[in-house]
Full PDB file with SEQRES, HELIX, SHEET, SSBOND, CRYST1, ORIGX, SCALE, CONECT and MASTER records, all heavy atoms in Angstrom:
SEQRES   1 A   33  GLY VAL ILE THR CYS ARG THR ALA GLY HIS ASN GLN ASN          
SEQRES   2 A   33  ASP THR HIS VAL LEU THR LEU THR ARG THR PHE LEU ILE          
SEQRES   3 A   33  PRO LEU ASP ALA ASP ALA VAL                                  
SHEET    1 AA1 2 VAL A   2  HIS A  10  0                                        
SHEET    2 AA1 2 HIS A  16  LEU A  25 -1                                        
CRYST1    1.000    1.000    1.000  90.00  90.00  90.00 P 1           1          
ORIGX1      1.000000  0.000000  0.000000        0.00000                         
ORIGX2      0.000000  1.000000  0.000000        0.00000                         
ORIGX3      0.000000  0.000000  1.000000        0.00000                         
SCALE1      1.000000  0.000000  0.000000        0.00000                         
SCALE2      0.000000  1.000000  0.000000        0.00000                         
SCALE3      0.000000  0.000000  1.000000        0.00000                         
ATOM      1  N   GLY A   1    -135.046-102.092 -45.336  1.00  0.00           N  
ATOM      2  CA  GLY A   1    -136.040-103.138 -45.447  1.00  0.00           C  
ATOM      3  C   GLY A   1    -137.265-102.767 -44.641  1.00  0.00           C  
ATOM      4  O   GLY A   1    -137.181-102.050 -43.643  1.00  0.00           O  
ATOM      5  N   VAL A   2    -138.415-103.242 -45.079  1.00  0.00           N  
ATOM      6  CA  VAL A   2    -139.678-103.019 -44.378  1.00  0.00           C  
ATOM      7  C   VAL A   2    -139.998-104.280 -43.583  1.00  0.00           C  
ATOM      8  O   VAL A   2    -140.097-105.367 -44.151  1.00  0.00           O  
ATOM      9  CB  VAL A   2    -140.817-102.710 -45.378  1.00  0.00           C  
ATOM     10  CG1 VAL A   2    -142.137-102.531 -44.641  1.00  0.00           C  
ATOM     11  CG2 VAL A   2    -140.480-101.486 -46.222  1.00  0.00           C  
ATOM     12  N   ILE A   3    -140.132-104.126 -42.285  1.00  0.00           N  
ATOM     13  CA  ILE A   3    -140.442-105.231 -41.386  1.00  0.00           C  
ATOM     14  C   ILE A   3    -141.831-104.997 -40.801  1.00  0.00           C  
ATOM     15  O   ILE A   3    -142.138-103.880 -40.368  1.00  0.00           O  
ATOM     16  CB  ILE A   3    -139.423-105.323 -40.224  1.00  0.00           C  
ATOM     17  CG1 ILE A   3    -137.993-105.454 -40.740  1.00  0.00           C  
ATOM     18  CG2 ILE A   3    -139.798-106.433 -39.241  1.00  0.00           C  
ATOM     19  CD1 ILE A   3    -137.663-106.767 -41.371  1.00  0.00           C  
ATOM     20  N   THR A   4    -142.642-106.032 -40.760  1.00  0.00           N  
ATOM     21  CA  THR A   4    -143.941-105.965 -40.086  1.00  0.00           C  
ATOM     22  C   THR A   4    -143.975-107.045 -39.013  1.00  0.00           C  
ATOM     23  O   THR A   4    -143.674-108.215 -39.292  1.00  0.00           O  
ATOM     24  CB  THR A   4    -145.108-106.158 -41.077  1.00  0.00           C  
ATOM     25  OG1 THR A   4    -145.042-105.107 -42.052  1.00  0.00           O  
ATOM     26  CG2 THR A   4    -146.454-106.095 -40.368  1.00  0.00           C  
ATOM     27  N   CYS A   5    -144.300-106.630 -37.791  1.00  0.00           N  
ATOM     28  CA  CYS A   5    -144.377-107.536 -36.645  1.00  0.00           C  
ATOM     29  C   CYS A   5    -145.735-107.419 -35.980  1.00  0.00           C  
ATOM     30  O   CYS A   5    -146.323-106.337 -35.939  1.00  0.00           O  
ATOM     31  CB  CYS A   5    -143.323-107.185 -35.602  1.00  0.00           C  
ATOM     32  SG  CYS A   5    -141.638-107.490 -36.105  1.00  0.00           S  
ATOM     33  N   ARG A   6    -146.180-108.519 -35.443  1.00  0.00           N  
ATOM     34  CA  ARG A   6    -147.386-108.547 -34.610  1.00  0.00           C  
ATOM     35  C   ARG A   6    -146.900-108.688 -33.175  1.00  0.00           C  
ATOM     36  O   ARG A   6    -146.179-109.636 -32.840  1.00  0.00           O  
ATOM     37  CB  ARG A   6    -148.274-109.731 -35.003  1.00  0.00           C  
ATOM     38  CG  ARG A   6    -149.578-109.779 -34.268  1.00  0.00           C  
ATOM     39  CD  ARG A   6    -150.559-108.789 -34.861  1.00  0.00           C  
ATOM     40  NE  ARG A   6    -151.828-108.876 -34.162  1.00  0.00           N  
ATOM     41  CZ  ARG A   6    -152.628-107.852 -33.996  1.00  0.00           C  
ATOM     42  NH1 ARG A   6    -152.309-106.682 -34.502  1.00  0.00           N  
ATOM     43  NH2 ARG A   6    -153.749-107.987 -33.358  1.00  0.00           N  
ATOM     44  N   THR A   7    -147.265-107.719 -32.329  1.00  0.00           N  
ATOM     45  CA  THR A   7    -146.794-107.701 -30.949  1.00  0.00           C  
ATOM     46  C   THR A   7    -147.971-107.873 -30.005  1.00  0.00           C  
ATOM     47  O   THR A   7    -149.046-107.307 -30.225  1.00  0.00           O  
ATOM     48  CB  THR A   7    -146.057-106.378 -30.649  1.00  0.00           C  
ATOM     49  OG1 THR A   7    -144.904-106.303 -31.502  1.00  0.00           O  
ATOM     50  CG2 THR A   7    -145.610-106.295 -29.204  1.00  0.00           C  
ATOM     51  N   ALA A   8    -147.738-108.647 -28.968  1.00  0.00           N  
ATOM     52  CA  ALA A   8    -148.740-108.859 -27.920  1.00  0.00           C  
ATOM     53  C   ALA A   8    -148.099-108.552 -26.574  1.00  0.00           C  
ATOM     54  O   ALA A   8    -146.953-108.916 -26.330  1.00  0.00           O  
ATOM     55  CB  ALA A   8    -149.246-110.294 -27.943  1.00  0.00           C  
ATOM     56  N   GLY A   9    -148.856-107.879 -25.727  1.00  0.00           N  
ATOM     57  CA  GLY A   9    -148.415-107.610 -24.366  1.00  0.00           C  
ATOM     58  C   GLY A   9    -149.300-108.372 -23.400  1.00  0.00           C  
ATOM     59  O   GLY A   9    -150.513-108.495 -23.621  1.00  0.00           O  
ATOM     60  N   HIS A  10    -148.699-108.900 -22.346  1.00  0.00           N  
ATOM     61  CA  HIS A  10    -149.474-109.589 -21.317  1.00  0.00           C  
ATOM     62  C   HIS A  10    -148.943-109.209 -19.941  1.00  0.00           C  
ATOM     63  O   HIS A  10    -147.812-108.720 -19.811  1.00  0.00           O  
ATOM     64  CB  HIS A  10    -149.465-111.108 -21.522  1.00  0.00           C  
ATOM     65  CG  HIS A  10    -148.115-111.740 -21.418  1.00  0.00           C  
ATOM     66  ND1 HIS A  10    -147.212-111.771 -22.437  1.00  0.00           N  
ATOM     67  CD2 HIS A  10    -147.524-112.362 -20.373  1.00  0.00           C  
ATOM     68  CE1 HIS A  10    -146.117-112.394 -22.052  1.00  0.00           C  
ATOM     69  NE2 HIS A  10    -146.272-112.765 -20.805  1.00  0.00           N  
ATOM     70  N   ASN A  11    -149.767-109.437 -18.927  1.00  0.00           N  
ATOM     71  CA  ASN A  11    -149.359-109.088 -17.572  1.00  0.00           C  
ATOM     72  C   ASN A  11    -148.788-110.295 -16.831  1.00  0.00           C  
ATOM     73  O   ASN A  11    -148.613-111.370 -17.409  1.00  0.00           O  
ATOM     74  CB  ASN A  11    -150.521-108.438 -16.806  1.00  0.00           C  
ATOM     75  CG  ASN A  11    -151.668-109.387 -16.523  1.00  0.00           C  
ATOM     76  OD1 ASN A  11    -151.536-110.621 -16.602  1.00  0.00           O  
ATOM     77  ND2 ASN A  11    -152.819-108.826 -16.186  1.00  0.00           N  
ATOM     78  N   GLN A  12    -148.515-110.092 -15.561  1.00  0.00           N  
ATOM     79  CA  GLN A  12    -147.891-111.122 -14.723  1.00  0.00           C  
ATOM     80  C   GLN A  12    -148.752-112.370 -14.581  1.00  0.00           C  
ATOM     81  O   GLN A  12    -148.244-113.434 -14.244  1.00  0.00           O  
ATOM     82  CB  GLN A  12    -147.556-110.548 -13.342  1.00  0.00           C  
ATOM     83  CG  GLN A  12    -148.762-110.194 -12.484  1.00  0.00           C  
ATOM     84  CD  GLN A  12    -149.413-108.856 -12.824  1.00  0.00           C  
ATOM     85  OE1 GLN A  12    -148.916-108.093 -13.646  1.00  0.00           O  
ATOM     86  NE2 GLN A  12    -150.537-108.567 -12.172  1.00  0.00           N  
ATOM     87  N   ASN A  13    -150.042-112.261 -14.868  1.00  0.00           N  
ATOM     88  CA  ASN A  13    -150.940-113.420 -14.794  1.00  0.00           C  
ATOM     89  C   ASN A  13    -151.138-114.065 -16.155  1.00  0.00           C  
ATOM     90  O   ASN A  13    -152.015-114.913 -16.315  1.00  0.00           O  
ATOM     91  CB  ASN A  13    -152.302-112.996 -14.220  1.00  0.00           C  
ATOM     92  CG  ASN A  13    -152.165-112.427 -12.832  1.00  0.00           C  
ATOM     93  OD1 ASN A  13    -151.414-112.944 -12.009  1.00  0.00           O  
ATOM     94  ND2 ASN A  13    -152.860-111.337 -12.574  1.00  0.00           N  
ATOM     95  N   ASP A  14    -150.351-113.648 -17.133  1.00  0.00           N  
ATOM     96  CA  ASP A  14    -150.427-114.124 -18.511  1.00  0.00           C  
ATOM     97  C   ASP A  14    -151.742-113.731 -19.195  1.00  0.00           C  
ATOM     98  O   ASP A  14    -152.174-114.366 -20.146  1.00  0.00           O  
ATOM     99  CB  ASP A  14    -150.197-115.637 -18.598  1.00  0.00           C  
ATOM    100  CG  ASP A  14    -149.635-116.048 -19.955  1.00  0.00           C  
ATOM    101  OD1 ASP A  14    -148.948-115.224 -20.590  1.00  0.00           O  
ATOM    102  OD2 ASP A  14    -149.905-117.178 -20.391  1.00  0.00           O  
ATOM    103  N   THR A  15    -152.362-112.664 -18.709  1.00  0.00           N  
ATOM    104  CA  THR A  15    -153.556-112.112 -19.340  1.00  0.00           C  
ATOM    105  C   THR A  15    -153.115-111.143 -20.429  1.00  0.00           C  
ATOM    106  O   THR A  15    -152.358-110.204 -20.154  1.00  0.00           O  
ATOM    107  CB  THR A  15    -154.432-111.359 -18.307  1.00  0.00           C  
ATOM    108  OG1 THR A  15    -154.805-112.264 -17.278  1.00  0.00           O  
ATOM    109  CG2 THR A  15    -155.661-110.753 -18.969  1.00  0.00           C  
ATOM    110  N   HIS A  16    -153.568-111.381 -21.648  1.00  0.00           N  
ATOM    111  CA  HIS A  16    -153.215-110.481 -22.746  1.00  0.00           C  
ATOM    112  C   HIS A  16    -153.898-109.139 -22.539  1.00  0.00           C  
ATOM    113  O   HIS A  16    -155.104-109.084 -22.286  1.00  0.00           O  
ATOM    114  CB  HIS A  16    -153.586-111.092 -24.095  1.00  0.00           C  
ATOM    115  CG  HIS A  16    -152.631-112.157 -24.500  1.00  0.00           C  
ATOM    116  ND1 HIS A  16    -151.527-111.917 -25.287  1.00  0.00           N  
ATOM    117  CD2 HIS A  16    -152.582-113.470 -24.181  1.00  0.00           C  
ATOM    118  CE1 HIS A  16    -150.845-113.028 -25.441  1.00  0.00           C  
ATOM    119  NE2 HIS A  16    -151.465-113.995 -24.778  1.00  0.00           N  
ATOM    120  N   VAL A  17    -153.115-108.065 -22.642  1.00  0.00           N  
ATOM    121  CA  VAL A  17    -153.641-106.717 -22.406  1.00  0.00           C  
ATOM    122  C   VAL A  17    -153.613-105.849 -23.659  1.00  0.00           C  
ATOM    123  O   VAL A  17    -154.302-104.835 -23.707  1.00  0.00           O  
ATOM    124  CB  VAL A  17    -152.888-106.012 -21.256  1.00  0.00           C  
ATOM    125  CG1 VAL A  17    -153.040-106.796 -19.950  1.00  0.00           C  
ATOM    126  CG2 VAL A  17    -151.424-105.788 -21.592  1.00  0.00           C  
ATOM    127  N   LEU A  18    -152.824-106.245 -24.672  1.00  0.00           N  
ATOM    128  CA  LEU A  18    -152.649-105.404 -25.851  1.00  0.00           C  
ATOM    129  C   LEU A  18    -152.147-106.234 -27.019  1.00  0.00           C  
ATOM    130  O   LEU A  18    -151.307-107.122 -26.833  1.00  0.00           O  
ATOM    131  CB  LEU A  18    -151.609-104.307 -25.541  1.00  0.00           C  
ATOM    132  CG  LEU A  18    -151.117-103.432 -26.677  1.00  0.00           C  
ATOM    133  CD1 LEU A  18    -152.211-102.483 -27.141  1.00  0.00           C  
ATOM    134  CD2 LEU A  18    -149.896-102.640 -26.248  1.00  0.00           C  
ATOM    135  N   THR A  19    -152.662-105.953 -28.208  1.00  0.00           N  
ATOM    136  CA  THR A  19    -152.087-106.501 -29.439  1.00  0.00           C  
ATOM    137  C   THR A  19    -152.004-105.372 -30.451  1.00  0.00           C  
ATOM    138  O   THR A  19    -152.806-104.427 -30.426  1.00  0.00           O  
ATOM    139  CB  THR A  19    -152.939-107.652 -30.028  1.00  0.00           C  
ATOM    140  OG1 THR A  19    -154.247-107.173 -30.297  1.00  0.00           O  
ATOM    141  CG2 THR A  19    -152.982-108.846 -29.095  1.00  0.00           C  
ATOM    142  N   LEU A  20    -151.029-105.451 -31.327  1.00  0.00           N  
ATOM    143  CA  LEU A  20    -150.852-104.447 -32.373  1.00  0.00           C  
ATOM    144  C   LEU A  20    -149.979-105.005 -33.483  1.00  0.00           C  
ATOM    145  O   LEU A  20    -149.233-105.963 -33.280  1.00  0.00           O  
ATOM    146  CB  LEU A  20    -150.224-103.168 -31.819  1.00  0.00           C  
ATOM    147  CG  LEU A  20    -148.797-103.321 -31.284  1.00  0.00           C  
ATOM    148  CD1 LEU A  20    -147.839-102.505 -32.123  1.00  0.00           C  
ATOM    149  CD2 LEU A  20    -148.746-102.894 -29.842  1.00  0.00           C  
ATOM    150  N   THR A  21    -150.087-104.396 -34.630  1.00  0.00           N  
ATOM    151  CA  THR A  21    -149.202-104.694 -35.749  1.00  0.00           C  
ATOM    152  C   THR A  21    -148.385-103.435 -36.020  1.00  0.00           C  
ATOM    153  O   THR A  21    -148.943-102.338 -36.089  1.00  0.00           O  
ATOM    154  CB  THR A  21    -150.005-105.097 -37.004  1.00  0.00           C  
ATOM    155  OG1 THR A  21    -150.792-106.241 -36.672  1.00  0.00           O  
ATOM    156  CG2 THR A  21    -149.089-105.430 -38.166  1.00  0.00           C  
ATOM    157  N   ARG A  22    -147.084-103.593 -36.141  1.00  0.00           N  
ATOM    158  CA  ARG A  22    -146.180-102.458 -36.330  1.00  0.00           C  
ATOM    159  C   ARG A  22    -145.329-102.707 -37.559  1.00  0.00           C  
ATOM    160  O   ARG A  22    -144.787-103.795 -37.749  1.00  0.00           O  
ATOM    161  CB  ARG A  22    -145.296-102.303 -35.094  1.00  0.00           C  
ATOM    162  CG  ARG A  22    -144.336-101.158 -35.167  1.00  0.00           C  
ATOM    163  CD  ARG A  22    -143.693-100.955 -33.793  1.00  0.00           C  
ATOM    164  NE  ARG A  22    -142.559-100.087 -33.910  1.00  0.00           N  
ATOM    165  CZ  ARG A  22    -141.342-100.359 -33.474  1.00  0.00           C  
ATOM    166  NH1 ARG A  22    -141.095-101.493 -32.849  1.00  0.00           N  
ATOM    167  NH2 ARG A  22    -140.362 -99.513 -33.621  1.00  0.00           N  
ATOM    168  N   THR A  23    -145.196-101.677 -38.384  1.00  0.00           N  
ATOM    169  CA  THR A  23    -144.366-101.739 -39.585  1.00  0.00           C  
ATOM    170  C   THR A  23    -143.332-100.621 -39.503  1.00  0.00           C  
ATOM    171  O   THR A  23    -143.660 -99.479 -39.165  1.00  0.00           O  
ATOM    172  CB  THR A  23    -145.232-101.586 -40.856  1.00  0.00           C  
ATOM    173  OG1 THR A  23    -146.241-102.610 -40.843  1.00  0.00           O  
ATOM    174  CG2 THR A  23    -144.402-101.710 -42.114  1.00  0.00           C  
ATOM    175  N   PHE A  24    -142.071-100.962 -39.818  1.00  0.00           N  
ATOM    176  CA  PHE A  24    -140.984 -99.994 -39.680  1.00  0.00           C  
ATOM    177  C   PHE A  24    -139.869-100.309 -40.664  1.00  0.00           C  
ATOM    178  O   PHE A  24    -139.818-101.394 -41.250  1.00  0.00           O  
ATOM    179  CB  PHE A  24    -140.449 -99.981 -38.238  1.00  0.00           C  
ATOM    180  CG  PHE A  24    -140.110-101.341 -37.700  1.00  0.00           C  
ATOM    181  CD1 PHE A  24    -138.823-101.853 -37.796  1.00  0.00           C  
ATOM    182  CD2 PHE A  24    -141.083-102.128 -37.094  1.00  0.00           C  
ATOM    183  CE1 PHE A  24    -138.520-103.112 -37.308  1.00  0.00           C  
ATOM    184  CE2 PHE A  24    -140.785-103.387 -36.594  1.00  0.00           C  
ATOM    185  CZ  PHE A  24    -139.500-103.874 -36.694  1.00  0.00           C  
ATOM    186  N   LEU A  25    -138.976 -99.349 -40.848  1.00  0.00           N  
ATOM    187  CA  LEU A  25    -137.806 -99.502 -41.720  1.00  0.00           C  
ATOM    188  C   LEU A  25    -136.575 -99.811 -40.883  1.00  0.00           C  
ATOM    189  O   LEU A  25    -136.359 -99.171 -39.847  1.00  0.00           O  
ATOM    190  CB  LEU A  25    -137.523 -98.212 -42.484  1.00  0.00           C  
ATOM    191  CG  LEU A  25    -138.427 -97.809 -43.623  1.00  0.00           C  
ATOM    192  CD1 LEU A  25    -137.966 -96.454 -44.189  1.00  0.00           C  
ATOM    193  CD2 LEU A  25    -138.418 -98.853 -44.713  1.00  0.00           C  
ATOM    194  N   ILE A  26    -135.771-100.751 -41.346  1.00  0.00           N  
ATOM    195  CA  ILE A  26    -134.453-100.967 -40.763  1.00  0.00           C  
ATOM    196  C   ILE A  26    -133.457-101.126 -41.912  1.00  0.00           C  
ATOM    197  O   ILE A  26    -133.833-101.477 -43.032  1.00  0.00           O  
ATOM    198  CB  ILE A  26    -134.389-102.186 -39.817  1.00  0.00           C  
ATOM    199  CG1 ILE A  26    -134.625-103.497 -40.552  1.00  0.00           C  
ATOM    200  CG2 ILE A  26    -135.350-102.025 -38.663  1.00  0.00           C  
ATOM    201  CD1 ILE A  26    -134.299-104.717 -39.687  1.00  0.00           C  
ATOM    202  N   PRO A  27    -132.174-100.870 -41.650  1.00  0.00           N  
ATOM    203  CA  PRO A  27    -131.189-100.999 -42.714  1.00  0.00           C  
ATOM    204  C   PRO A  27    -131.017-102.456 -43.152  1.00  0.00           C  
ATOM    205  O   PRO A  27    -131.084-103.365 -42.324  1.00  0.00           O  
ATOM    206  CB  PRO A  27    -129.906-100.450 -42.096  1.00  0.00           C  
ATOM    207  CG  PRO A  27    -130.107-100.559 -40.620  1.00  0.00           C  
ATOM    208  CD  PRO A  27    -131.582-100.445 -40.379  1.00  0.00           C  
ATOM    209  N   LEU A  28    -130.788-102.645 -44.437  1.00  0.00           N  
ATOM    210  CA  LEU A  28    -130.501-103.989 -44.937  1.00  0.00           C  
ATOM    211  C   LEU A  28    -129.144-104.468 -44.429  1.00  0.00           C  
ATOM    212  O   LEU A  28    -128.948-105.656 -44.206  1.00  0.00           O  
ATOM    213  CB  LEU A  28    -130.522-104.002 -46.464  1.00  0.00           C  
ATOM    214  CG  LEU A  28    -131.895-103.766 -47.112  1.00  0.00           C  
ATOM    215  CD1 LEU A  28    -131.752-103.666 -48.628  1.00  0.00           C  
ATOM    216  CD2 LEU A  28    -132.886-104.852 -46.733  1.00  0.00           C  
ATOM    217  N   ASP A  29    -128.216-103.550 -44.252  1.00  0.00           N  
ATOM    218  CA  ASP A  29    -126.877-103.890 -43.766  1.00  0.00           C  
ATOM    219  C   ASP A  29    -126.660-103.248 -42.402  1.00  0.00           C  
ATOM    220  O   ASP A  29    -126.151-102.135 -42.287  1.00  0.00           O  
ATOM    221  CB  ASP A  29    -125.816-103.415 -44.765  1.00  0.00           C  
ATOM    222  CG  ASP A  29    -124.418-103.878 -44.403  1.00  0.00           C  
ATOM    223  OD1 ASP A  29    -124.206-104.383 -43.278  1.00  0.00           O  
ATOM    224  OD2 ASP A  29    -123.526-103.723 -45.265  1.00  0.00           O  
ATOM    225  N   ALA A  30    -127.080-103.957 -41.358  1.00  0.00           N  
ATOM    226  CA  ALA A  30    -126.983-103.424 -39.999  1.00  0.00           C  
ATOM    227  C   ALA A  30    -125.541-103.138 -39.600  1.00  0.00           C  
ATOM    228  O   ALA A  30    -125.264-102.132 -38.951  1.00  0.00           O  
ATOM    229  CB  ALA A  30    -127.610-104.403 -39.008  1.00  0.00           C  
ATOM    230  N   ASP A  31    -124.610-104.007 -39.987  1.00  0.00           N  
ATOM    231  CA  ASP A  31    -123.218-103.793 -39.590  1.00  0.00           C  
ATOM    232  C   ASP A  31    -122.640-102.522 -40.194  1.00  0.00           C  
ATOM    233  O   ASP A  31    -121.858-101.823 -39.543  1.00  0.00           O  
ATOM    234  CB  ASP A  31    -122.359-105.000 -39.957  1.00  0.00           C  
ATOM    235  CG  ASP A  31    -122.633-106.190 -39.047  1.00  0.00           C  
ATOM    236  OD1 ASP A  31    -123.102-105.970 -37.899  1.00  0.00           O  
ATOM    237  OD2 ASP A  31    -122.377-107.334 -39.467  1.00  0.00           O  
ATOM    238  N   ALA A  32    -123.020-102.185 -41.418  1.00  0.00           N  
ATOM    239  CA  ALA A  32    -122.538-100.935 -42.018  1.00  0.00           C  
ATOM    240  C   ALA A  32    -123.025 -99.730 -41.206  1.00  0.00           C  
ATOM    241  O   ALA A  32    -122.268 -98.780 -40.963  1.00  0.00           O  
ATOM    242  CB  ALA A  32    -122.993-100.833 -43.466  1.00  0.00           C  
ATOM    243  N   VAL A  33    -124.288 -99.768 -40.790  1.00  0.00           N  
ATOM    244  CA  VAL A  33    -124.838 -98.677 -39.986  1.00  0.00           C  
ATOM    245  C   VAL A  33    -124.161 -98.644 -38.612  1.00  0.00           C  
ATOM    246  O   VAL A  33    -123.782 -97.581 -38.128  1.00  0.00           O  
ATOM    247  CB  VAL A  33    -126.371 -98.814 -39.848  1.00  0.00           C  
ATOM    248  CG1 VAL A  33    -126.924 -97.813 -38.830  1.00  0.00           C  
ATOM    249  CG2 VAL A  33    -127.030 -98.625 -41.186  1.00  0.00           C  
TER     250      VAL A  33                                                      
MASTER        0    0    0    0    2    0    0    6  249    1    0    3          
END                                                                             
């Protein structure tokens, strides 16, 4: 399956330092893998 996530990173002061969109493949049947 193709998964797309939007990820945000922030520091200890809750200041956002990074955002990105990542797309990757994962198995449809995780337990089989």
